[in-house]
Protein backbone atom coordinates (compact mmCIF):
# COMPACT_ATOMS: atom_id res chain seq x y z
CA UNK A 1 96.49 68.02 104.83
CA UNK A 2 98.25 70.62 102.68
CA UNK A 3 96.46 72.73 100.08
CA UNK A 4 99.17 72.94 97.40
CA UNK A 5 98.72 75.72 94.85
CA UNK A 6 101.96 75.23 92.90
CA UNK A 7 105.13 73.15 93.08
CA UNK A 8 108.23 72.41 91.05
CA UNK A 9 111.94 71.83 91.72
CA UNK A 10 112.44 75.43 92.89
CA UNK A 11 109.39 76.44 94.93
CA UNK A 12 106.23 75.27 96.60
CA UNK A 13 103.20 77.49 97.28
CA UNK A 14 100.52 76.60 99.83
CA UNK A 15 97.15 77.93 100.95
CA UNK A 16 97.61 78.35 104.70
CA UNK A 17 94.69 77.80 107.05
CA UNK A 18 94.09 80.46 109.71
CA UNK A 19 95.56 79.63 113.11
CA UNK A 20 98.66 77.86 111.82
CA UNK A 21 102.05 79.51 112.32
CA UNK A 22 104.27 79.77 109.23
CA UNK A 23 107.41 79.19 111.31
CA UNK A 24 107.89 77.44 114.67
CA UNK A 25 107.03 79.70 117.60
CA UNK A 26 106.94 79.58 121.40
CA UNK A 27 103.70 77.55 121.42
CA UNK A 28 105.49 74.49 120.10
CA UNK A 29 102.66 73.83 117.61
CA UNK A 30 103.59 72.21 114.32
CA UNK A 31 104.22 75.03 111.86
CA UNK A 32 103.38 75.15 108.16
CA UNK A 33 107.07 75.07 107.27
CA UNK A 34 107.54 71.75 109.09
CA UNK A 35 104.48 70.27 107.39
CA UNK A 36 105.73 71.39 103.98
CA UNK A 37 109.24 70.05 104.66
CA UNK A 38 107.79 66.68 105.61
CA UNK A 39 105.82 66.64 102.37
CA UNK A 40 108.80 67.72 100.22
CA UNK A 41 111.26 65.58 102.18
CA UNK A 42 113.80 68.39 102.24
CA UNK A 43 114.55 71.64 104.09
CA UNK A 44 112.69 74.69 102.79
CA UNK A 45 113.61 78.37 102.86
CA UNK A 46 111.17 80.99 104.04
CA UNK A 47 110.54 83.77 101.51
CA UNK A 48 107.80 85.79 103.24
CA UNK A 49 105.41 85.48 106.18
CA UNK A 50 101.73 85.58 107.10
CA UNK A 51 100.51 86.32 110.60
CA UNK A 52 99.23 83.24 112.43
CA UNK A 53 95.51 84.26 112.40
CA UNK A 54 95.64 85.10 108.66
CA UNK A 55 94.90 82.63 105.85
CA UNK A 56 96.15 82.43 102.29
CA UNK A 57 99.19 82.08 100.05
CA UNK A 58 102.62 81.25 101.46
CA UNK A 59 105.61 80.49 99.21
CA UNK A 60 108.69 78.50 100.25
CA UNK A 61 111.87 78.12 98.20
CA UNK A 62 113.50 74.72 97.78
CA UNK A 63 116.94 76.13 96.97
CA UNK A 64 119.00 79.02 98.33
CA UNK A 65 119.24 80.58 94.87
CA UNK A 66 115.45 80.55 94.50
CA UNK A 67 115.11 82.09 97.96
CA UNK A 68 117.53 84.88 97.04
CA UNK A 69 115.73 85.63 93.77
CA UNK A 70 112.28 85.70 95.37
CA UNK A 71 113.41 87.71 98.38
CA UNK A 72 114.79 90.36 96.02
CA UNK A 73 111.45 90.54 94.22
CA UNK A 74 109.66 91.17 97.50
CA UNK A 75 112.26 93.78 98.44
CA UNK A 76 111.96 95.59 95.10
CA UNK A 77 108.13 95.44 95.25
CA UNK A 78 107.77 93.63 91.92
CA UNK A 79 105.56 91.02 93.60
CA UNK A 80 101.82 91.69 93.27
CA UNK A 81 100.06 91.00 96.59
CA UNK A 82 96.26 91.09 96.82
CA UNK A 83 94.36 90.46 100.05
CA UNK A 84 90.70 90.24 101.04
CA UNK A 85 89.54 91.68 104.35
CA UNK A 86 86.15 91.59 106.07
CA UNK A 87 85.19 94.71 108.00
CA UNK A 88 82.04 95.91 109.76
CA UNK A 89 82.57 99.59 108.99
CA UNK A 90 83.10 100.83 105.46
CA UNK A 91 85.80 103.40 104.68
CA UNK A 92 84.47 106.87 103.87
CA UNK A 93 85.43 106.41 100.23
CA UNK A 94 84.68 103.22 98.23
CA UNK A 95 88.27 103.07 97.03
CA UNK A 96 91.51 104.85 97.69
CA UNK A 97 95.12 104.75 98.83
CA UNK A 98 96.11 104.74 102.50
CA UNK A 99 99.46 106.09 103.63
CA UNK A 100 100.57 105.90 107.27
CA UNK A 101 103.81 105.77 109.19
CA UNK A 102 104.07 102.71 111.43
CA UNK A 103 106.23 101.99 114.43
CA UNK A 104 106.50 98.43 115.72
CA UNK A 105 105.97 97.83 119.43
CA UNK A 106 108.07 94.73 120.06
CA UNK A 107 106.69 94.17 123.57
CA UNK A 108 103.04 94.02 122.46
CA UNK A 109 103.78 92.72 118.95
CA UNK A 110 101.68 95.41 117.30
CA UNK A 111 102.31 98.24 114.86
CA UNK A 112 101.26 101.73 115.89
CA UNK A 113 100.40 104.60 113.56
CA UNK A 114 102.79 107.44 114.38
CA UNK A 115 103.95 110.78 113.05
CA UNK A 116 106.26 110.84 110.04
CA UNK A 117 108.81 112.66 112.17
CA UNK A 118 108.89 110.00 114.92
CA UNK A 119 111.97 107.83 115.29
CA UNK A 120 111.85 104.30 113.97
CA UNK A 121 108.79 104.70 111.73
CA UNK A 122 108.32 103.08 108.31
CA UNK A 123 106.10 104.35 105.52
CA UNK A 124 103.15 102.01 104.85
CA UNK A 125 101.04 102.27 101.71
CA UNK A 126 98.18 100.19 100.34
CA UNK A 127 95.37 100.51 97.82
CA UNK A 128 91.85 99.34 98.70
CA UNK A 129 88.44 99.08 97.09
CA UNK A 130 85.02 98.04 98.36
CA UNK A 131 84.37 94.74 96.57
CA UNK A 132 81.11 93.44 98.08
CA UNK A 133 78.75 93.52 101.05
CA UNK A 134 76.71 90.92 102.95
CA UNK A 135 73.94 91.55 105.46
CA UNK A 136 76.37 92.39 108.28
CA UNK A 137 79.83 92.90 106.81
CA UNK A 138 81.77 94.40 103.93
CA UNK A 139 84.55 92.93 101.80
CA UNK A 140 87.58 95.02 100.89
CA UNK A 141 90.08 94.06 98.20
CA UNK A 142 93.54 95.30 99.14
CA UNK A 143 96.72 95.61 97.12
CA UNK A 144 99.82 95.97 99.24
CA UNK A 145 102.31 98.50 97.96
CA UNK A 146 104.70 98.17 100.89
CA UNK A 147 105.07 95.18 103.20
CA UNK A 148 105.23 96.25 106.84
CA UNK A 149 104.57 94.39 110.07
CA UNK A 150 100.78 94.02 110.56
CA UNK A 151 100.36 96.70 107.90
CA UNK A 152 96.82 95.94 106.68
CA UNK A 153 95.58 95.35 110.20
CA UNK A 154 97.04 98.60 111.54
CA UNK A 155 96.06 100.79 108.60
CA UNK A 156 92.45 99.63 108.43
CA UNK A 157 92.12 100.07 112.18
CA UNK A 158 93.54 103.59 111.86
CA UNK A 159 90.62 104.62 109.61
CA UNK A 160 88.00 103.02 111.88
CA UNK A 161 87.66 99.77 109.92
CA UNK A 162 89.27 97.00 112.01
CA UNK A 163 89.20 93.52 110.50
CA UNK A 164 86.57 91.11 111.81
CA UNK A 165 87.95 89.16 114.76
CA UNK A 166 91.05 91.32 115.15
CA UNK A 167 90.65 92.40 118.77
CA UNK A 168 94.35 93.35 118.89
CA UNK A 169 93.47 96.21 116.54
CA UNK A 170 90.11 97.22 117.93
CA UNK A 171 87.44 94.81 116.69
CA UNK A 172 84.90 94.23 119.46
CA UNK A 173 84.85 90.42 119.54
CA UNK A 174 87.33 87.72 118.64
CA UNK A 175 86.47 84.85 116.31
CA UNK A 176 85.92 81.53 118.07
CA UNK A 177 89.02 80.01 116.49
CA UNK A 178 91.08 83.19 117.09
CA UNK A 179 91.44 83.72 113.36
CA UNK A 180 90.88 87.08 111.73
CA UNK A 181 89.09 87.62 108.44
CA UNK A 182 92.13 88.57 106.39
CA UNK A 183 93.12 86.36 103.47
CA UNK A 184 96.19 86.50 101.21
CA UNK A 185 94.16 85.90 98.07
CA UNK A 186 96.39 86.42 95.06
CA UNK A 187 100.14 86.54 94.50
CA UNK A 188 102.09 87.15 91.29
CA UNK A 189 105.87 86.91 90.90
CA UNK A 190 108.52 85.91 88.39
CA UNK A 191 109.70 82.31 88.54
CA UNK A 192 113.24 82.31 89.97
CA UNK A 193 114.64 80.22 87.08
CA UNK A 194 112.42 80.55 84.01
CA UNK A 195 111.38 84.15 84.63
CA UNK A 196 107.79 83.31 83.70
CA UNK A 197 105.16 85.25 85.61
CA UNK A 198 103.47 82.94 88.13
CA UNK A 199 99.97 83.96 89.21
CA UNK A 200 98.40 82.18 92.18
CA UNK A 201 94.98 82.40 93.79
CA UNK A 202 94.01 80.79 97.10
CA UNK A 203 90.44 79.74 97.82
CA UNK A 204 88.80 81.25 100.90
CA UNK A 205 88.43 79.32 104.17
CA UNK A 206 85.21 77.35 104.58
CA UNK A 207 83.51 79.86 106.78
CA UNK A 208 79.96 81.33 106.54
CA UNK A 209 81.22 84.91 106.76
CA UNK A 210 83.49 84.45 103.75
CA UNK A 211 80.94 82.38 101.86
CA UNK A 212 78.31 85.11 102.20
CA UNK A 213 80.20 87.13 99.59
CA UNK A 214 79.84 84.40 96.95
CA UNK A 215 83.50 84.16 95.94
C-alpha cells in the first residue's frame, strides 16, 4: 500500500512509513524503491534519502534527466525541506538557528558534533521553532538549510533535545516499532520539466503521540 502524494511522467512522490528502507539494505527487506518500481512498472532513480526509522516525503525520478535536475536543486539548496520532530526537552529558546560541524562515524553509522577545525567535518545548519506541546512532549518544526547525514538527529541531541525513540542519539527508550518521531512533512521544489513550483505535504503516521498535537 503506497501513499502517493504526486505523480506524472517525470516523478513520483510518496509518503514513507517509518521502518521501511528507501533503498535495499543488508536486511533484505523490501525497500520503498522496489515497491514504487513495481507500482510504476519501470526503474526509478533515487533523488534523496530518508533514514529507515523516519517517515515522510520521498521523491523518485522516472527519467535520468529529471534525476539530474532534481539532484542539482538539492545540491544548490533551492529545495525547501520542512520536518516535524517530537522531543521531551524543549530548547532553551522557542526558535532559533543551530549551527554545528558534523563528522560521520562510518563504523557506528552516526554523525558526531566536532570542532570546526577537525578533519572531515561538514557544516550543518537548520532553523527550528517550537510549534506545539502535548502533556508529555513538544513538537518542533524544522527547516533544513543544509542536508547532512543524520543532521536533525545529531543537532537536536547536541542541544539536549534528542528525538523521541532515537536511542542512537541519546533518547532513553526506543519506540516499540523502532521508529523515531521525525517526519519529513513538507517539500517544495521546481518541476524538472515545467519549472512550476511543486509543494507537497505528507500526513503524519497514525500514532497517538503525533495525533496529540492535533495536526
